Amino acid sequence: MRLERLNYNKIKIFLTLDDLFDRGLTKEDIWKDSLKWHQLFHDMLEEASEQFKVDIHGSVAVEIFSMQAQGMVMIVTVEESEEDIFNDQFIDMQVTLEGNVEILFEIADFEDVIGLAKRLGATGFSGGTIYYMNNAYYFLIDNVCEDIQTTITAIMAEYGNPSFISVHILEEYGKTIVKDKAVNEMMTYFQ
């Protein structure tokens, strides 16, 4: 589990499938109102509170983004209304589940980036963005329809590893190799 502070009242929590498995949960358990899920959520809030020195109580809005083959990202927003703050530190949780819009893989070798682009091109996919940072390539696919999401993720897993690095960090500190039409461009130059 990794935590990232987005602003004064927003925290991003990354949970891999292994994190869930280690705690005896699956992605499907999120849909259920289970004691295990509530305990995990409570533990995550405690860890975030300690790490970022934030007093988390009152209403908390939670957005959960499920990521194929990677796990999930949770955005926790602490509401700051005086009406919502209770002395017993009760947490009112509103959960919104949304599908993944980004698939990001880290790839060590440029030859693998080329191979991946060719495999994705064979499926009819032509988009994607390639970044370079810290001696690794990052292949981002966003806004992919759910019908081919599993196929694309499976192909990408053959060439690299899922990455939880923020796209904003890649844009800020990395170098953009090809923007938006990565598969198409790679197929053009590396037949």
N, C-alpha and C. Protein backbone atom coordinates (compact mmCIF):
# COMPACT_ATOMS: atom_id res chain seq x y z
N MET A 1 0.85 -1.17 0.00
CA MET A 1 0.00 0.00 0.00
C MET A 1 0.90 1.23 0.00
N ARG A 2 0.57 2.16 -0.92
CA ARG A 2 1.32 3.41 -0.98
C ARG A 2 0.37 4.58 -0.83
N LEU A 3 0.83 5.62 -0.18
CA LEU A 3 0.04 6.80 0.07
C LEU A 3 0.68 8.01 -0.59
N GLU A 4 -0.15 8.92 -1.10
CA GLU A 4 0.34 10.15 -1.71
C GLU A 4 -0.63 11.26 -1.34
N ARG A 5 -0.10 12.35 -0.83
CA ARG A 5 -0.96 13.49 -0.47
C ARG A 5 -1.14 14.36 -1.70
N LEU A 6 -2.41 14.59 -2.09
CA LEU A 6 -2.71 15.40 -3.26
C LEU A 6 -2.86 16.88 -2.91
N ASN A 7 -3.52 17.18 -1.81
CA ASN A 7 -3.60 18.54 -1.27
C ASN A 7 -3.94 18.46 0.20
N TYR A 8 -4.32 19.56 0.82
CA TYR A 8 -4.48 19.59 2.27
C TYR A 8 -5.55 18.64 2.79
N ASN A 9 -6.56 18.28 1.98
CA ASN A 9 -7.61 17.39 2.49
C ASN A 9 -7.86 16.19 1.57
N LYS A 10 -6.93 15.91 0.65
CA LYS A 10 -7.09 14.78 -0.26
C LYS A 10 -5.86 13.88 -0.23
N ILE A 11 -6.11 12.57 -0.11
CA ILE A 11 -5.03 11.59 -0.08
C ILE A 11 -5.33 10.50 -1.10
N LYS A 12 -4.30 10.09 -1.83
CA LYS A 12 -4.43 9.00 -2.79
C LYS A 12 -3.80 7.77 -2.18
N ILE A 13 -4.53 6.65 -2.21
CA ILE A 13 -4.05 5.39 -1.65
C ILE A 13 -4.00 4.36 -2.78
N PHE A 14 -2.82 3.77 -2.99
CA PHE A 14 -2.63 2.73 -3.98
C PHE A 14 -2.63 1.38 -3.28
N LEU A 15 -3.49 0.48 -3.73
CA LEU A 15 -3.53 -0.88 -3.19
C LEU A 15 -3.33 -1.86 -4.34
N THR A 16 -2.32 -2.70 -4.25
CA THR A 16 -2.12 -3.71 -5.27
C THR A 16 -3.01 -4.90 -4.96
N LEU A 17 -3.15 -5.78 -5.92
CA LEU A 17 -3.91 -7.01 -5.69
C LEU A 17 -3.26 -7.84 -4.59
N ASP A 18 -1.93 -7.78 -4.51
CA ASP A 18 -1.21 -8.50 -3.45
C ASP A 18 -1.54 -7.92 -2.07
N ASP A 19 -1.66 -6.57 -1.98
CA ASP A 19 -2.05 -5.94 -0.72
C ASP A 19 -3.41 -6.47 -0.26
N LEU A 20 -4.35 -6.54 -1.20
CA LEU A 20 -5.68 -7.04 -0.86
C LEU A 20 -5.62 -8.50 -0.45
N PHE A 21 -4.88 -9.31 -1.22
CA PHE A 21 -4.77 -10.74 -0.95
C PHE A 21 -4.15 -10.99 0.43
N ASP A 22 -3.11 -10.20 0.76
CA ASP A 22 -2.45 -10.35 2.07
C ASP A 22 -3.41 -10.08 3.22
N ARG A 23 -4.42 -9.28 2.97
CA ARG A 23 -5.41 -8.96 4.00
C ARG A 23 -6.66 -9.82 3.88
N GLY A 24 -6.61 -10.82 2.99
CA GLY A 24 -7.73 -11.74 2.84
C GLY A 24 -8.91 -11.16 2.08
N LEU A 25 -8.65 -10.19 1.20
CA LEU A 25 -9.71 -9.54 0.43
C LEU A 25 -9.51 -9.72 -1.06
N THR A 26 -10.58 -9.56 -1.81
CA THR A 26 -10.53 -9.50 -3.27
C THR A 26 -11.14 -8.18 -3.69
N LYS A 27 -10.98 -7.83 -4.97
CA LYS A 27 -11.58 -6.59 -5.46
C LYS A 27 -13.09 -6.63 -5.34
N GLU A 28 -13.67 -7.82 -5.40
CA GLU A 28 -15.12 -7.96 -5.29
C GLU A 28 -15.63 -7.65 -3.89
N ASP A 29 -14.76 -7.80 -2.88
CA ASP A 29 -15.17 -7.52 -1.50
C ASP A 29 -15.52 -6.05 -1.27
N ILE A 30 -15.04 -5.18 -2.15
CA ILE A 30 -15.35 -3.75 -2.02
C ILE A 30 -16.84 -3.52 -2.19
N TRP A 31 -17.46 -4.32 -3.02
CA TRP A 31 -18.88 -4.16 -3.28
C TRP A 31 -19.72 -4.60 -2.09
N LYS A 32 -19.12 -5.43 -1.24
CA LYS A 32 -19.86 -5.96 -0.10
C LYS A 32 -19.62 -5.09 1.13
N ASP A 33 -20.54 -5.12 2.04
CA ASP A 33 -20.41 -4.39 3.29
C ASP A 33 -19.84 -5.36 4.32
N SER A 34 -18.55 -5.68 4.18
CA SER A 34 -17.95 -6.69 5.03
C SER A 34 -17.10 -6.07 6.14
N LEU A 35 -16.94 -6.81 7.22
CA LEU A 35 -16.13 -6.36 8.34
C LEU A 35 -14.66 -6.21 7.92
N LYS A 36 -14.17 -7.14 7.07
CA LYS A 36 -12.79 -7.07 6.60
C LYS A 36 -12.53 -5.77 5.85
N TRP A 37 -13.48 -5.40 4.99
CA TRP A 37 -13.34 -4.17 4.20
C TRP A 37 -13.32 -2.95 5.12
N HIS A 38 -14.21 -2.91 6.11
CA HIS A 38 -14.23 -1.78 7.04
C HIS A 38 -12.94 -1.70 7.84
N GLN A 39 -12.39 -2.85 8.23
CA GLN A 39 -11.14 -2.87 8.97
C GLN A 39 -9.99 -2.36 8.11
N LEU A 40 -9.93 -2.79 6.85
CA LEU A 40 -8.89 -2.32 5.94
C LEU A 40 -8.99 -0.81 5.76
N PHE A 41 -10.20 -0.31 5.55
CA PHE A 41 -10.39 1.11 5.35
C PHE A 41 -9.95 1.89 6.60
N HIS A 42 -10.32 1.40 7.76
CA HIS A 42 -9.93 2.04 9.02
C HIS A 42 -8.40 2.05 9.16
N ASP A 43 -7.74 0.93 8.85
CA ASP A 43 -6.28 0.85 8.92
C ASP A 43 -5.62 1.84 7.96
N MET A 44 -6.19 1.96 6.74
CA MET A 44 -5.63 2.89 5.76
C MET A 44 -5.74 4.33 6.25
N LEU A 45 -6.88 4.68 6.82
CA LEU A 45 -7.07 6.04 7.34
C LEU A 45 -6.12 6.33 8.49
N GLU A 46 -5.91 5.35 9.37
CA GLU A 46 -4.96 5.53 10.47
C GLU A 46 -3.55 5.76 9.95
N GLU A 47 -3.14 4.95 8.97
CA GLU A 47 -1.80 5.09 8.41
C GLU A 47 -1.63 6.44 7.72
N ALA A 48 -2.65 6.86 6.97
CA ALA A 48 -2.60 8.17 6.30
C ALA A 48 -2.55 9.29 7.32
N SER A 49 -3.31 9.15 8.39
CA SER A 49 -3.34 10.16 9.45
C SER A 49 -1.96 10.31 10.10
N GLU A 50 -1.31 9.18 10.37
CA GLU A 50 0.01 9.21 10.98
C GLU A 50 1.06 9.76 10.02
N GLN A 51 1.03 9.30 8.77
CA GLN A 51 2.05 9.68 7.81
C GLN A 51 1.98 11.16 7.43
N PHE A 52 0.77 11.69 7.28
CA PHE A 52 0.61 13.06 6.81
C PHE A 52 0.20 14.03 7.92
N LYS A 53 0.14 13.55 9.15
CA LYS A 53 -0.22 14.39 10.29
C LYS A 53 -1.56 15.09 10.05
N VAL A 54 -2.55 14.30 9.60
CA VAL A 54 -3.89 14.81 9.33
C VAL A 54 -4.84 14.17 10.31
N ASP A 55 -5.70 14.97 10.91
CA ASP A 55 -6.71 14.46 11.82
C ASP A 55 -7.94 14.10 10.99
N ILE A 56 -8.14 12.82 10.73
CA ILE A 56 -9.23 12.37 9.86
C ILE A 56 -10.42 11.97 10.71
N HIS A 57 -11.43 12.81 10.70
CA HIS A 57 -12.69 12.48 11.33
C HIS A 57 -13.77 13.34 10.68
N GLY A 58 -15.01 12.98 10.88
CA GLY A 58 -16.11 13.66 10.19
C GLY A 58 -16.46 12.89 8.93
N SER A 59 -16.99 13.58 7.94
CA SER A 59 -17.37 12.94 6.68
C SER A 59 -16.14 12.75 5.79
N VAL A 60 -16.08 11.60 5.18
CA VAL A 60 -14.99 11.27 4.28
C VAL A 60 -15.61 10.77 2.98
N ALA A 61 -15.26 11.42 1.87
CA ALA A 61 -15.71 10.96 0.56
C ALA A 61 -14.61 10.08 -0.03
N VAL A 62 -14.99 8.93 -0.59
CA VAL A 62 -14.01 7.99 -1.12
C VAL A 62 -14.37 7.66 -2.56
N GLU A 63 -13.41 7.84 -3.46
CA GLU A 63 -13.58 7.41 -4.85
C GLU A 63 -12.63 6.25 -5.07
N ILE A 64 -13.14 5.16 -5.61
CA ILE A 64 -12.31 3.98 -5.84
C ILE A 64 -12.26 3.70 -7.33
N PHE A 65 -11.04 3.63 -7.84
CA PHE A 65 -10.83 3.32 -9.25
C PHE A 65 -10.19 1.94 -9.34
N SER A 66 -10.89 1.01 -9.92
CA SER A 66 -10.39 -0.35 -10.09
C SER A 66 -9.47 -0.36 -11.29
N MET A 67 -8.28 -0.97 -11.13
CA MET A 67 -7.30 -1.01 -12.21
C MET A 67 -7.04 -2.47 -12.56
N GLN A 68 -7.32 -2.82 -13.80
CA GLN A 68 -7.12 -4.19 -14.26
C GLN A 68 -5.70 -4.65 -13.98
N ALA A 69 -5.55 -5.80 -13.37
CA ALA A 69 -4.26 -6.47 -13.11
C ALA A 69 -3.32 -5.64 -12.26
N GLN A 70 -3.78 -4.52 -11.70
CA GLN A 70 -2.90 -3.70 -10.90
C GLN A 70 -3.41 -3.51 -9.49
N GLY A 71 -4.70 -3.54 -9.29
CA GLY A 71 -5.26 -3.30 -7.97
C GLY A 71 -6.26 -2.17 -8.03
N MET A 72 -6.08 -1.19 -7.15
CA MET A 72 -7.03 -0.08 -7.13
C MET A 72 -6.36 1.18 -6.58
N VAL A 73 -6.97 2.30 -6.92
CA VAL A 73 -6.56 3.59 -6.40
C VAL A 73 -7.76 4.17 -5.69
N MET A 74 -7.55 4.66 -4.48
CA MET A 74 -8.61 5.30 -3.71
C MET A 74 -8.23 6.75 -3.47
N ILE A 75 -9.15 7.65 -3.74
CA ILE A 75 -8.97 9.06 -3.43
C ILE A 75 -9.87 9.35 -2.22
N VAL A 76 -9.27 9.72 -1.11
CA VAL A 76 -10.00 10.01 0.12
C VAL A 76 -9.99 11.52 0.32
N THR A 77 -11.19 12.09 0.41
CA THR A 77 -11.34 13.53 0.65
C THR A 77 -11.99 13.73 2.01
N VAL A 78 -11.30 14.46 2.88
CA VAL A 78 -11.83 14.75 4.20
C VAL A 78 -12.65 16.02 4.10
N GLU A 79 -13.95 15.92 4.41
CA GLU A 79 -14.83 17.08 4.38
C GLU A 79 -14.57 17.92 5.61
N GLU A 80 -14.60 19.23 5.48
CA GLU A 80 -14.25 20.10 6.60
C GLU A 80 -15.41 20.93 7.12
N SER A 81 -16.60 20.43 7.03
CA SER A 81 -17.75 21.13 7.55
C SER A 81 -17.84 20.93 9.06
N GLU A 82 -18.07 22.01 9.80
CA GLU A 82 -18.19 21.92 11.26
C GLU A 82 -19.32 20.97 11.67
N GLU A 83 -20.37 20.88 10.85
CA GLU A 83 -21.50 20.02 11.17
C GLU A 83 -21.11 18.54 11.12
N ASP A 84 -20.11 18.22 10.31
CA ASP A 84 -19.74 16.82 10.10
C ASP A 84 -18.76 16.29 11.15
N ILE A 85 -18.20 17.18 11.97
CA ILE A 85 -17.19 16.75 12.92
C ILE A 85 -17.87 16.34 14.22
N PHE A 86 -17.64 15.10 14.64
CA PHE A 86 -18.23 14.57 15.85
C PHE A 86 -17.13 14.29 16.86
N ASN A 87 -17.44 14.43 18.11
CA ASN A 87 -16.45 14.21 19.16
C ASN A 87 -16.01 12.75 19.24
N ASP A 88 -16.88 11.83 18.86
CA ASP A 88 -16.51 10.42 18.93
C ASP A 88 -15.76 9.95 17.69
N GLN A 89 -15.39 10.87 16.83
CA GLN A 89 -14.62 10.61 15.61
C GLN A 89 -15.29 9.56 14.73
N PHE A 90 -16.58 9.70 14.56
CA PHE A 90 -17.36 8.85 13.67
C PHE A 90 -17.00 9.17 12.22
N ILE A 91 -16.88 8.17 11.39
CA ILE A 91 -16.55 8.38 9.98
C ILE A 91 -17.74 7.99 9.14
N ASP A 92 -18.25 8.95 8.38
CA ASP A 92 -19.34 8.71 7.45
C ASP A 92 -18.71 8.49 6.07
N MET A 93 -18.82 7.28 5.53
CA MET A 93 -18.13 6.94 4.31
C MET A 93 -19.09 6.90 3.13
N GLN A 94 -18.79 7.72 2.10
CA GLN A 94 -19.55 7.69 0.86
C GLN A 94 -18.61 7.12 -0.19
N VAL A 95 -18.95 5.99 -0.77
CA VAL A 95 -18.05 5.32 -1.71
C VAL A 95 -18.61 5.41 -3.12
N THR A 96 -17.73 5.83 -4.04
CA THR A 96 -18.08 5.87 -5.45
C THR A 96 -17.11 4.95 -6.18
N LEU A 97 -17.62 3.95 -6.88
CA LEU A 97 -16.75 3.05 -7.65
C LEU A 97 -16.79 3.45 -9.11
N GLU A 98 -15.62 3.56 -9.70
CA GLU A 98 -15.53 3.92 -11.10
C GLU A 98 -14.56 2.97 -11.78
N GLY A 99 -14.76 2.76 -13.06
CA GLY A 99 -13.87 1.90 -13.81
C GLY A 99 -12.56 2.58 -14.12
N ASN A 100 -11.58 1.80 -14.44
CA ASN A 100 -10.28 2.34 -14.76
C ASN A 100 -10.30 3.08 -16.08
N VAL A 101 -9.60 4.20 -16.13
CA VAL A 101 -9.43 4.92 -17.38
C VAL A 101 -7.96 4.95 -17.78
N GLU A 102 -7.08 4.45 -16.91
CA GLU A 102 -5.65 4.45 -17.21
C GLU A 102 -5.03 3.08 -16.93
N ILE A 103 -4.21 2.63 -17.85
CA ILE A 103 -3.40 1.43 -17.65
C ILE A 103 -1.97 1.87 -17.87
N LEU A 104 -1.12 1.71 -16.87
CA LEU A 104 0.26 2.18 -16.95
C LEU A 104 1.21 1.05 -16.59
N PHE A 105 2.15 0.78 -17.49
CA PHE A 105 3.15 -0.26 -17.27
C PHE A 105 4.55 0.32 -17.42
N GLU A 106 5.45 -0.16 -16.58
CA GLU A 106 6.87 0.20 -16.67
C GLU A 106 7.58 -0.88 -17.47
N ILE A 107 8.36 -0.45 -18.45
CA ILE A 107 9.06 -1.38 -19.34
C ILE A 107 10.54 -1.01 -19.32
N ALA A 108 11.40 -1.99 -19.09
CA ALA A 108 12.83 -1.74 -18.90
C ALA A 108 13.57 -1.46 -20.20
N ASP A 109 13.19 -2.10 -21.28
CA ASP A 109 13.98 -2.06 -22.52
C ASP A 109 13.17 -1.49 -23.68
N PHE A 110 13.80 -0.66 -24.50
CA PHE A 110 13.09 -0.05 -25.63
C PHE A 110 12.64 -1.09 -26.66
N GLU A 111 13.41 -2.17 -26.81
CA GLU A 111 13.01 -3.24 -27.72
C GLU A 111 11.67 -3.84 -27.28
N ASP A 112 11.45 -3.93 -25.98
CA ASP A 112 10.17 -4.43 -25.47
C ASP A 112 9.04 -3.43 -25.74
N VAL A 113 9.36 -2.14 -25.71
CA VAL A 113 8.36 -1.12 -26.05
C VAL A 113 7.92 -1.30 -27.50
N ILE A 114 8.89 -1.54 -28.38
CA ILE A 114 8.57 -1.76 -29.79
C ILE A 114 7.73 -3.02 -29.96
N GLY A 115 8.14 -4.11 -29.30
CA GLY A 115 7.38 -5.36 -29.37
C GLY A 115 5.96 -5.19 -28.86
N LEU A 116 5.80 -4.47 -27.75
CA LEU A 116 4.48 -4.20 -27.19
C LEU A 116 3.62 -3.41 -28.18
N ALA A 117 4.19 -2.39 -28.78
CA ALA A 117 3.44 -1.58 -29.74
C ALA A 117 2.97 -2.44 -30.92
N LYS A 118 3.81 -3.32 -31.39
CA LYS A 118 3.43 -4.20 -32.50
C LYS A 118 2.28 -5.12 -32.10
N ARG A 119 2.37 -5.71 -30.89
CA ARG A 119 1.29 -6.59 -30.42
C ARG A 119 -0.02 -5.84 -30.25
N LEU A 120 0.05 -4.63 -29.68
CA LEU A 120 -1.15 -3.83 -29.50
C LEU A 120 -1.72 -3.39 -30.85
N GLY A 121 -0.83 -3.08 -31.79
CA GLY A 121 -1.28 -2.70 -33.13
C GLY A 121 -2.01 -3.83 -33.82
N ALA A 122 -1.59 -5.06 -33.56
CA ALA A 122 -2.25 -6.23 -34.17
C ALA A 122 -3.68 -6.39 -33.66
N THR A 123 -4.00 -5.82 -32.50
CA THR A 123 -5.36 -5.89 -31.98
C THR A 123 -6.24 -4.77 -32.53
N GLY A 124 -5.61 -3.84 -33.27
CA GLY A 124 -6.36 -2.72 -33.81
C GLY A 124 -6.26 -1.46 -32.97
N PHE A 125 -5.51 -1.54 -31.87
CA PHE A 125 -5.34 -0.38 -31.01
C PHE A 125 -4.24 0.52 -31.57
N SER A 126 -4.41 1.84 -31.53
CA SER A 126 -3.41 2.73 -32.11
C SER A 126 -2.95 3.84 -31.18
N GLY A 127 -3.53 3.95 -29.99
CA GLY A 127 -3.22 5.07 -29.09
C GLY A 127 -2.10 4.77 -28.13
N GLY A 128 -2.12 5.49 -27.01
CA GLY A 128 -1.13 5.31 -25.96
C GLY A 128 -0.09 6.41 -25.96
N THR A 129 0.56 6.57 -24.82
CA THR A 129 1.63 7.55 -24.65
C THR A 129 2.82 6.85 -24.02
N ILE A 130 4.01 7.19 -24.49
CA ILE A 130 5.24 6.60 -23.96
C ILE A 130 6.06 7.71 -23.29
N TYR A 131 6.46 7.45 -22.04
CA TYR A 131 7.32 8.36 -21.28
C TYR A 131 8.63 7.66 -20.97
N TYR A 132 9.66 8.45 -20.67
CA TYR A 132 10.94 7.91 -20.22
C TYR A 132 11.34 8.65 -18.95
N MET A 133 11.65 7.89 -17.90
CA MET A 133 12.08 8.49 -16.64
C MET A 133 12.84 7.46 -15.81
N ASN A 134 13.91 7.87 -15.18
CA ASN A 134 14.70 7.01 -14.30
C ASN A 134 15.09 5.69 -14.96
N ASN A 135 15.60 5.77 -16.17
CA ASN A 135 16.09 4.61 -16.92
C ASN A 135 15.02 3.56 -17.20
N ALA A 136 13.79 3.99 -17.33
CA ALA A 136 12.70 3.07 -17.66
C ALA A 136 11.70 3.79 -18.57
N TYR A 137 11.00 2.98 -19.35
CA TYR A 137 9.94 3.50 -20.22
C TYR A 137 8.60 3.21 -19.56
N TYR A 138 7.68 4.13 -19.71
CA TYR A 138 6.34 3.98 -19.15
C TYR A 138 5.35 4.08 -20.30
N PHE A 139 4.55 3.05 -20.44
CA PHE A 139 3.55 2.99 -21.52
C PHE A 139 2.18 3.20 -20.88
N LEU A 140 1.54 4.31 -21.24
CA LEU A 140 0.25 4.68 -20.68
C LEU A 140 -0.84 4.51 -21.73
N ILE A 141 -1.88 3.81 -21.34
CA ILE A 141 -3.06 3.70 -22.20
C ILE A 141 -4.22 4.21 -21.38
N ASP A 142 -4.89 5.23 -21.90
CA ASP A 142 -6.03 5.77 -21.17
C ASP A 142 -7.25 5.82 -22.08
N ASN A 143 -8.39 5.95 -21.46
CA ASN A 143 -9.67 6.01 -22.17
C ASN A 143 -9.91 4.81 -23.08
N VAL A 144 -9.53 3.64 -22.62
CA VAL A 144 -9.76 2.42 -23.40
C VAL A 144 -11.11 1.83 -22.97
N CYS A 145 -11.86 1.35 -23.94
CA CYS A 145 -13.18 0.81 -23.60
C CYS A 145 -13.02 -0.51 -22.83
N GLU A 146 -14.00 -0.80 -22.00
CA GLU A 146 -13.94 -1.98 -21.13
C GLU A 146 -13.84 -3.29 -21.90
N ASP A 147 -14.35 -3.32 -23.13
CA ASP A 147 -14.36 -4.55 -23.92
C ASP A 147 -12.96 -5.09 -24.17
N ILE A 148 -12.00 -4.19 -24.42
CA ILE A 148 -10.64 -4.66 -24.74
C ILE A 148 -9.64 -4.39 -23.62
N GLN A 149 -10.11 -3.87 -22.50
CA GLN A 149 -9.23 -3.53 -21.39
C GLN A 149 -8.45 -4.74 -20.88
N THR A 150 -9.12 -5.86 -20.70
CA THR A 150 -8.46 -7.07 -20.20
C THR A 150 -7.42 -7.57 -21.19
N THR A 151 -7.75 -7.55 -22.46
CA THR A 151 -6.81 -8.00 -23.49
C THR A 151 -5.56 -7.13 -23.52
N ILE A 152 -5.76 -5.81 -23.48
CA ILE A 152 -4.62 -4.89 -23.52
C ILE A 152 -3.76 -5.07 -22.27
N THR A 153 -4.37 -5.21 -21.13
CA THR A 153 -3.62 -5.39 -19.88
C THR A 153 -2.81 -6.69 -19.93
N ALA A 154 -3.40 -7.75 -20.44
CA ALA A 154 -2.69 -9.03 -20.54
C ALA A 154 -1.48 -8.91 -21.47
N ILE A 155 -1.66 -8.24 -22.59
CA ILE A 155 -0.54 -8.06 -23.53
C ILE A 155 0.56 -7.22 -22.88
N MET A 156 0.17 -6.13 -22.23
CA MET A 156 1.16 -5.25 -21.60
C MET A 156 1.93 -5.98 -20.50
N ALA A 157 1.26 -6.89 -19.79
CA ALA A 157 1.90 -7.63 -18.71
C ALA A 157 3.01 -8.55 -19.22
N GLU A 158 2.96 -8.91 -20.49
CA GLU A 158 4.01 -9.75 -21.09
C GLU A 158 5.30 -8.96 -21.30
N TYR A 159 5.21 -7.63 -21.37
CA TYR A 159 6.36 -6.80 -21.69
C TYR A 159 6.87 -5.94 -20.53
N GLY A 160 6.06 -5.81 -19.48
CA GLY A 160 6.49 -4.96 -18.37
C GLY A 160 5.72 -5.25 -17.11
N ASN A 161 5.83 -4.35 -16.18
CA ASN A 161 5.19 -4.49 -14.86
C ASN A 161 4.25 -3.32 -14.62
N PRO A 162 3.14 -3.58 -13.95
CA PRO A 162 2.22 -2.48 -13.62
C PRO A 162 2.94 -1.42 -12.81
N SER A 163 2.63 -0.17 -13.07
CA SER A 163 3.24 0.94 -12.35
C SER A 163 2.17 1.79 -11.71
N PHE A 164 2.45 2.21 -10.48
CA PHE A 164 1.52 3.08 -9.76
C PHE A 164 2.02 4.51 -9.70
N ILE A 165 3.07 4.82 -10.45
CA ILE A 165 3.57 6.18 -10.45
C ILE A 165 2.51 7.09 -11.05
N SER A 166 2.41 8.27 -10.53
CA SER A 166 1.40 9.21 -11.00
C SER A 166 1.74 9.70 -12.41
N VAL A 167 0.73 9.80 -13.25
CA VAL A 167 0.93 10.33 -14.61
C VAL A 167 1.43 11.76 -14.53
N HIS A 168 0.99 12.49 -13.52
CA HIS A 168 1.42 13.88 -13.35
C HIS A 168 2.92 13.96 -13.08
N ILE A 169 3.45 13.00 -12.34
CA ILE A 169 4.89 12.95 -12.09
C ILE A 169 5.63 12.66 -13.39
N LEU A 170 5.10 11.72 -14.18
CA LEU A 170 5.72 11.42 -15.48
C LEU A 170 5.73 12.64 -16.38
N GLU A 171 4.63 13.36 -16.41
CA GLU A 171 4.54 14.55 -17.27
C GLU A 171 5.49 15.65 -16.79
N GLU A 172 5.64 15.77 -15.47
CA GLU A 172 6.47 16.83 -14.90
C GLU A 172 7.96 16.51 -14.99
N TYR A 173 8.34 15.28 -14.60
CA TYR A 173 9.75 14.95 -14.46
C TYR A 173 10.29 14.00 -15.54
N GLY A 174 9.41 13.35 -16.25
CA GLY A 174 9.84 12.43 -17.30
C GLY A 174 9.89 13.12 -18.65
N LYS A 175 10.32 12.38 -19.63
CA LYS A 175 10.37 12.89 -21.00
C LYS A 175 9.29 12.17 -21.80
N THR A 176 8.46 12.93 -22.50
CA THR A 176 7.42 12.33 -23.33
C THR A 176 8.06 11.91 -24.65
N ILE A 177 8.03 10.63 -24.94
CA ILE A 177 8.61 10.09 -26.18
C ILE A 177 7.59 10.21 -27.31
N VAL A 178 6.40 9.70 -27.10
CA VAL A 178 5.31 9.79 -28.08
C VAL A 178 4.02 10.06 -27.32
N LYS A 179 3.26 11.05 -27.76
CA LYS A 179 2.03 11.44 -27.07
C LYS A 179 0.81 10.94 -27.83
N ASP A 180 -0.11 10.29 -27.15
CA ASP A 180 -1.44 9.90 -27.62
C ASP A 180 -1.50 8.82 -28.70
N LYS A 181 -0.64 8.82 -29.67
CA LYS A 181 -0.69 7.84 -30.78
C LYS A 181 0.57 6.97 -30.80
N ALA A 182 0.97 6.48 -29.63
CA ALA A 182 2.22 5.75 -29.49
C ALA A 182 2.27 4.49 -30.36
N VAL A 183 1.22 3.69 -30.32
CA VAL A 183 1.23 2.44 -31.09
C VAL A 183 1.33 2.75 -32.58
N ASN A 184 0.57 3.70 -33.06
CA ASN A 184 0.58 4.09 -34.46
C ASN A 184 1.97 4.59 -34.89
N GLU A 185 2.57 5.46 -34.08
CA GLU A 185 3.89 6.01 -34.40
C GLU A 185 4.96 4.92 -34.38
N MET A 186 4.92 4.06 -33.38
CA MET A 186 5.92 2.98 -33.28
C MET A 186 5.81 2.04 -34.46
N MET A 187 4.57 1.74 -34.89
CA MET A 187 4.36 0.86 -36.05
C MET A 187 4.90 1.52 -37.32
N THR A 188 4.77 2.83 -37.41
CA THR A 188 5.25 3.56 -38.60
C THR A 188 6.77 3.51 -38.69
N TYR A 189 7.47 3.72 -37.57
CA TYR A 189 8.93 3.84 -37.60
C TYR A 189 9.67 2.52 -37.35
N PHE A 190 9.02 1.54 -36.76
CA PHE A 190 9.71 0.30 -36.42
C PHE A 190 8.96 -0.92 -36.95
N GLN A 191 8.77 -0.98 -38.24
CA GLN A 191 8.10 -2.14 -38.87
C GLN A 191 9.06 -3.27 -38.81
